[in-house]
Amino acid sequence: MAMKSLTDLYIHFLRDVLYAEKQGMKTVRRMSRRAENDDLKTLFTEQADDTEAQIENIEKAFELIDKSARGVRCEAMDGIIEESKDLMEEAQDGAVRDAAMIAAAQAMKHYEITRYGTLAAWARQLGHEDAAKLMKDNADRDIAADKALSKLAEKHLNQQADTLAA
């Protein structure tokens, strides 16, 4: 699709983030199965479930502009996911793998937060206030998820991973 207007960019970014969310959800579910720490397993499961609501918000944003909700390959998210797979394979100890998976999940969340901020701003500019609210809701969900991951890491997972080298 040629991008000749802000509307074209908006649609492209909606498709990009739809793909990113769907791929990210699969990866976080995989991380949940690989996590050693029970709190992390639970957090990943909750985040994957919450992603379903985010996908619904994206689909609603497509409906508001009478476009079909279909994703477009997001190479940035593919790269983040590939790195997360490498980290899960290379981290030998469960605590180290848990710390690595938190970092990878946060990288996914940070990417999504930037996309949602941009989409919300563009939706407002284009007069799609309802869509802007949906994108802000998605950004807020990702910000909360990022904070929860940081809290868990700083509470004890990073320390557990660090004591293994001693």
Protein backbone atom coordinates (compact mmCIF):
# COMPACT_ATOMS: atom_id res chain seq x y z
CA MET A 1 0.00 0.00 0.00
CA ALA A 2 1.44 3.35 -1.00
CA MET A 3 1.48 5.78 1.89
CA LYS A 4 0.54 9.21 0.56
CA SER A 5 -1.32 10.64 3.53
CA LEU A 6 -1.58 10.55 7.30
CA THR A 7 -4.58 8.25 6.89
CA ASP A 8 -2.41 5.81 4.94
CA LEU A 9 0.24 5.91 7.67
CA TYR A 10 -2.41 5.43 10.33
CA ILE A 11 -3.82 2.34 8.60
CA HIS A 12 -0.33 0.93 8.07
CA PHE A 13 0.59 1.41 11.74
CA LEU A 14 -2.72 -0.18 12.84
CA ARG A 15 -1.87 -3.20 10.70
CA ASP A 16 1.68 -3.22 12.03
CA VAL A 17 0.61 -3.19 15.68
CA LEU A 18 -2.10 -5.82 15.06
CA TYR A 19 0.56 -8.17 13.73
CA ALA A 20 2.91 -7.21 16.56
CA GLU A 21 0.30 -7.93 19.23
CA LYS A 22 -0.64 -11.30 17.76
CA GLN A 23 2.98 -12.41 17.46
CA GLY A 24 3.83 -10.99 20.87
CA MET A 25 0.93 -12.86 22.46
CA LYS A 26 2.21 -16.17 21.07
CA THR A 27 5.69 -15.40 22.38
CA VAL A 28 4.50 -14.40 25.85
CA ARG A 29 2.47 -17.62 26.08
CA ARG A 30 5.66 -19.52 25.18
CA MET A 31 7.53 -17.55 27.86
CA SER A 32 4.86 -18.44 30.39
CA ARG A 33 5.49 -22.13 29.75
CA ARG A 34 9.27 -21.65 30.04
CA ALA A 35 9.25 -19.45 33.16
CA GLU A 36 10.56 -21.04 36.32
CA ASN A 37 9.17 -18.49 38.76
CA ASP A 38 5.46 -19.01 39.47
CA ASP A 39 4.76 -15.27 39.80
CA LEU A 40 6.34 -14.71 36.39
CA LYS A 41 4.31 -17.55 34.86
CA THR A 42 1.16 -15.91 36.20
CA LEU A 43 2.18 -12.45 35.03
CA PHE A 44 2.95 -13.70 31.51
CA THR A 45 -0.38 -15.57 31.37
CA GLU A 46 -2.26 -12.47 32.49
CA GLN A 47 -0.43 -10.32 29.94
CA ALA A 48 -1.21 -12.73 27.12
CA ASP A 49 -4.88 -12.70 28.13
CA ASP A 50 -4.83 -8.89 28.30
CA THR A 51 -3.38 -8.78 24.80
CA GLU A 52 -6.65 -10.27 23.55
CA ALA A 53 -8.43 -7.11 24.77
CA GLN A 54 -5.81 -4.98 23.03
CA ILE A 55 -6.38 -6.86 19.78
CA GLU A 56 -10.11 -6.23 20.15
CA ASN A 57 -9.39 -2.51 20.55
CA ILE A 58 -7.33 -2.52 17.36
CA GLU A 59 -10.11 -4.34 15.53
CA LYS A 60 -12.61 -1.72 16.79
CA ALA A 61 -10.32 1.03 15.49
CA PHE A 62 -10.40 -0.62 12.07
CA GLU A 63 -14.22 -0.81 12.24
CA LEU A 64 -14.39 2.91 13.03
CA ILE A 65 -12.73 3.69 9.68
CA ASP A 66 -14.53 0.94 7.75
CA LYS A 67 -11.37 -1.04 7.03
CA SER A 68 -10.74 -4.75 7.45
CA ALA A 69 -8.60 -5.68 10.43
CA ARG A 70 -5.61 -7.41 8.97
CA GLY A 71 -2.02 -7.33 10.07
CA VAL A 72 1.07 -6.51 8.10
CA ARG A 73 4.44 -8.03 8.88
CA CYS A 74 6.32 -6.02 11.50
CA GLU A 75 10.02 -6.65 11.14
CA ALA A 76 10.78 -4.75 14.34
CA MET A 77 8.61 -7.10 16.41
CA ASP A 78 9.94 -10.11 14.50
CA GLY A 79 13.46 -9.05 15.51
CA ILE A 80 12.50 -8.60 19.16
CA ILE A 81 10.81 -12.01 19.16
CA GLU A 82 13.79 -13.68 17.50
CA GLU A 83 16.06 -12.19 20.13
CA SER A 84 13.73 -13.46 22.88
CA LYS A 85 13.88 -16.98 21.42
CA ASP A 86 17.69 -16.82 21.38
CA LEU A 87 17.75 -15.64 24.99
CA MET A 88 15.44 -18.45 26.10
CA GLU A 89 17.71 -21.00 24.45
CA GLU A 90 21.03 -19.53 25.61
CA ALA A 91 20.09 -18.88 29.25
CA GLN A 92 21.00 -22.12 30.98
CA ASP A 93 19.61 -21.49 34.44
CA GLY A 94 15.91 -20.91 35.11
CA ALA A 95 16.48 -17.69 37.09
CA VAL A 96 18.74 -16.29 34.37
CA ARG A 97 16.20 -17.30 31.71
CA ASP A 98 13.42 -15.62 33.73
CA ALA A 99 15.42 -12.39 33.91
CA ALA A 100 16.13 -12.59 30.17
CA MET A 101 12.47 -13.21 29.37
CA ILE A 102 11.43 -10.18 31.43
CA ALA A 103 13.86 -8.05 29.42
CA ALA A 104 12.51 -9.46 26.16
CA ALA A 105 8.89 -8.95 27.20
CA GLN A 106 9.69 -5.38 28.16
CA ALA A 107 11.27 -4.77 24.76
CA MET A 108 8.00 -5.91 23.16
CA LYS A 109 5.97 -3.67 25.46
CA HIS A 110 8.18 -0.65 24.79
CA TYR A 111 7.77 -1.09 21.04
CA GLU A 112 4.00 -1.35 21.41
CA ILE A 113 3.83 1.71 23.68
CA THR A 114 5.54 3.84 21.03
CA ARG A 115 3.17 2.61 18.35
CA TYR A 116 0.08 3.29 20.46
CA GLY A 117 1.24 6.79 21.32
CA THR A 118 1.71 7.56 17.66
CA LEU A 119 -1.60 5.97 16.69
CA ALA A 120 -3.50 7.90 19.38
CA ALA A 121 -2.00 11.20 18.19
CA TRP A 122 -2.75 10.44 14.55
CA ALA A 123 -6.29 9.28 15.35
CA ARG A 124 -6.95 12.59 17.14
CA GLN A 125 -5.48 14.53 14.22
CA LEU A 126 -7.72 12.63 11.82
CA GLY A 127 -10.82 13.23 13.94
CA HIS A 128 -11.12 9.65 15.20
CA GLU A 129 -11.45 10.46 18.90
CA ASP A 130 -12.98 7.06 19.78
CA ALA A 131 -10.04 5.29 18.15
CA ALA A 132 -7.61 7.59 19.97
CA LYS A 133 -9.17 6.48 23.27
CA LEU A 134 -8.77 2.83 22.29
CA MET A 135 -5.11 3.35 21.44
CA LYS A 136 -4.54 5.24 24.70
CA ASP A 137 -6.16 2.35 26.57
CA ASN A 138 -3.78 -0.07 24.85
CA ALA A 139 -0.78 2.11 25.71
CA ASP A 140 -1.91 2.30 29.33
CA ARG A 141 -2.23 -1.50 29.46
CA ASP A 142 1.31 -1.90 28.12
CA ILE A 143 2.69 0.69 30.54
CA ALA A 144 1.07 -1.19 33.43
CA ALA A 145 2.48 -4.49 32.15
CA ASP A 146 5.95 -2.97 31.86
CA LYS A 147 5.74 -1.69 35.44
CA ALA A 148 4.61 -5.10 36.70
CA LEU A 149 7.53 -6.78 34.94
CA SER A 150 9.99 -4.28 36.42
CA LYS A 151 8.53 -4.74 39.89
CA LEU A 152 8.87 -8.50 39.73
CA ALA A 153 12.41 -8.31 38.33
CA GLU A 154 13.56 -5.79 40.92
CA LYS A 155 11.78 -7.55 43.77
CA HIS A 156 13.77 -10.75 43.49
CA LEU A 157 14.29 -12.27 40.01
CA ASN A 158 17.30 -10.13 39.08
CA GLN A 159 18.88 -10.88 42.44
CA GLN A 160 18.33 -14.62 41.99
CA ALA A 161 19.94 -14.52 38.57
CA ASP A 162 22.88 -12.53 39.94
CA THR A 163 23.62 -14.87 42.84
CA LEU A 164 24.13 -17.79 40.48
CA ALA A 165 27.46 -16.43 39.28
CA ALA A 166 28.82 -16.14 42.82
